[in-house]
Amino acid sequence: GNRHLHDRDGSSKGSDQMMSSLHYAVDQQKSNHVHEFGLYNIPHGNLGDTFHKYWIDWTEEKIVIGIDDIPVFTSNTPRHGYYAHGNQTGTNVWASGTRAAPFDT
């Protein structure tokens, strides 16, 4: 990664930052594609200075993604499911799954 990459506001976008995201949509071409994300800037050095443990805690209730012992991103499973939460339209291709569909397999 680029150690000196910053956005217009001066926020780091380089090798000292981890981003984790979750994307979902019935049809990626439609405008109702949902993208949720979390960012974490490590306090010292950069991600290449030492080894890190990347992890996912994936249950029917939530998806948590982290680095070392730090949660970076959490998506709680919506009460009415991701289809309704994301305002998806058309045929619900996830209808045969749990409310955590499409992340239930």
Protein backbone atom coordinates (compact mmCIF):
# COMPACT_ATOMS: atom_id res chain seq x y z
CA GLY A 1 0.00 0.00 0.00
CA ASN A 2 0.91 3.62 -0.34
CA ARG A 3 2.17 5.01 2.97
CA HIS A 4 1.50 8.60 1.94
CA LEU A 5 -1.92 8.33 0.26
CA HIS A 6 -4.46 10.80 1.66
CA ASP A 7 -7.84 12.08 0.52
CA ARG A 8 -8.66 15.76 -0.02
CA ASP A 9 -9.44 16.22 3.67
CA GLY A 10 -6.08 14.80 4.74
CA SER A 11 -7.43 11.46 5.96
CA SER A 12 -5.11 8.55 5.36
CA LYS A 13 -6.00 6.06 2.64
CA GLY A 14 -2.68 4.26 2.70
CA SER A 15 -1.07 1.21 4.23
CA ASP A 16 -1.98 2.29 7.76
CA GLN A 17 -5.70 1.83 7.10
CA MET A 18 -7.94 -1.22 6.84
CA MET A 19 -11.35 -1.09 5.19
CA SER A 20 -13.91 -3.85 5.37
CA SER A 21 -17.20 -3.87 3.50
CA LEU A 22 -20.38 -5.78 2.78
CA HIS A 23 -22.15 -5.52 -0.57
CA TYR A 24 -25.53 -6.94 -1.46
CA ALA A 25 -28.25 -6.59 -4.09
CA VAL A 26 -30.55 -8.86 -6.02
CA ASP A 27 -29.19 -7.33 -9.23
CA GLN A 28 -25.83 -5.51 -9.13
CA GLN A 29 -26.88 -3.37 -12.09
CA LYS A 30 -29.78 -1.74 -10.22
CA SER A 31 -29.42 1.42 -8.19
CA ASN A 32 -30.46 -0.31 -4.95
CA HIS A 33 -27.08 -1.99 -4.50
CA VAL A 34 -26.20 -1.68 -0.79
CA HIS A 35 -22.64 -1.04 0.35
CA GLU A 36 -21.84 -0.85 4.06
CA PHE A 37 -18.28 -0.40 5.29
CA GLY A 38 -16.01 0.25 8.23
CA LEU A 39 -12.55 1.83 8.43
CA TYR A 40 -9.73 1.45 10.92
CA ASN A 41 -6.45 3.37 11.06
CA ILE A 42 -3.76 1.50 12.96
CA PRO A 43 -2.28 3.71 15.69
CA HIS A 44 1.42 3.13 14.90
CA GLY A 45 3.31 2.21 11.73
CA ASN A 46 1.55 0.50 8.85
CA LEU A 47 -0.09 -2.83 8.11
CA GLY A 48 3.11 -4.17 6.56
CA ASP A 49 5.29 -3.65 9.63
CA THR A 50 4.16 -6.86 11.35
CA PHE A 51 1.74 -9.77 11.03
CA HIS A 52 -1.93 -9.19 11.81
CA LYS A 53 -4.84 -11.48 12.49
CA TYR A 54 -7.83 -10.75 10.22
CA TRP A 55 -11.08 -12.38 11.36
CA ILE A 56 -14.80 -12.76 10.70
CA ASP A 57 -17.46 -13.56 13.29
CA TRP A 58 -20.37 -14.62 11.09
CA THR A 59 -23.65 -15.68 12.72
CA GLU A 60 -27.31 -15.42 11.81
CA GLU A 61 -27.53 -12.33 14.05
CA LYS A 62 -24.58 -10.34 12.72
CA ILE A 63 -21.38 -10.21 10.69
CA VAL A 64 -18.34 -8.67 12.41
CA ILE A 65 -15.01 -8.24 10.60
CA GLY A 66 -11.85 -7.19 12.39
CA ILE A 67 -8.12 -6.99 12.68
CA ASP A 68 -6.19 -8.34 15.66
CA ASP A 69 -8.67 -7.88 18.56
CA ILE A 70 -10.40 -4.82 17.07
CA PRO A 71 -13.80 -5.00 15.35
CA VAL A 72 -13.65 -2.82 12.22
CA PHE A 73 -17.09 -3.43 10.76
CA THR A 74 -20.36 -4.79 12.17
CA SER A 75 -23.55 -5.47 10.25
CA ASN A 76 -26.42 -6.58 12.45
CA THR A 77 -28.85 -8.74 10.53
CA PRO A 78 -31.91 -6.58 9.81
CA ARG A 79 -35.07 -7.71 11.64
CA HIS A 80 -36.97 -8.10 8.36
CA GLY A 81 -33.95 -9.39 6.40
CA TYR A 82 -31.53 -7.88 3.94
CA TYR A 83 -34.02 -7.92 1.05
CA ALA A 84 -36.43 -5.54 2.80
CA HIS A 85 -33.64 -3.55 4.49
CA GLY A 86 -31.97 -2.87 1.15
CA ASN A 87 -35.26 -1.85 -0.52
CA GLN A 88 -34.74 -4.55 -3.13
CA THR A 89 -37.33 -4.83 -5.89
CA GLY A 90 -38.55 -7.66 -8.07
CA THR A 91 -38.52 -11.32 -7.18
CA ASN A 92 -36.95 -12.04 -3.80
CA VAL A 93 -34.43 -14.69 -4.83
CA TRP A 94 -33.47 -15.03 -1.16
CA ALA A 95 -37.03 -15.87 0.01
CA SER A 96 -36.24 -19.53 0.71
CA GLY A 97 -33.42 -18.59 3.09
CA THR A 98 -33.40 -17.22 6.62
CA ARG A 99 -33.69 -13.52 7.42
CA ALA A 100 -29.87 -13.47 7.12
CA ALA A 101 -30.06 -14.38 3.41
CA PRO A 102 -27.98 -14.04 1.26
CA PHE A 103 -25.41 -14.38 4.07
CA ASP A 104 -26.95 -17.51 5.59
CA THR A 105 -25.06 -20.29 3.85
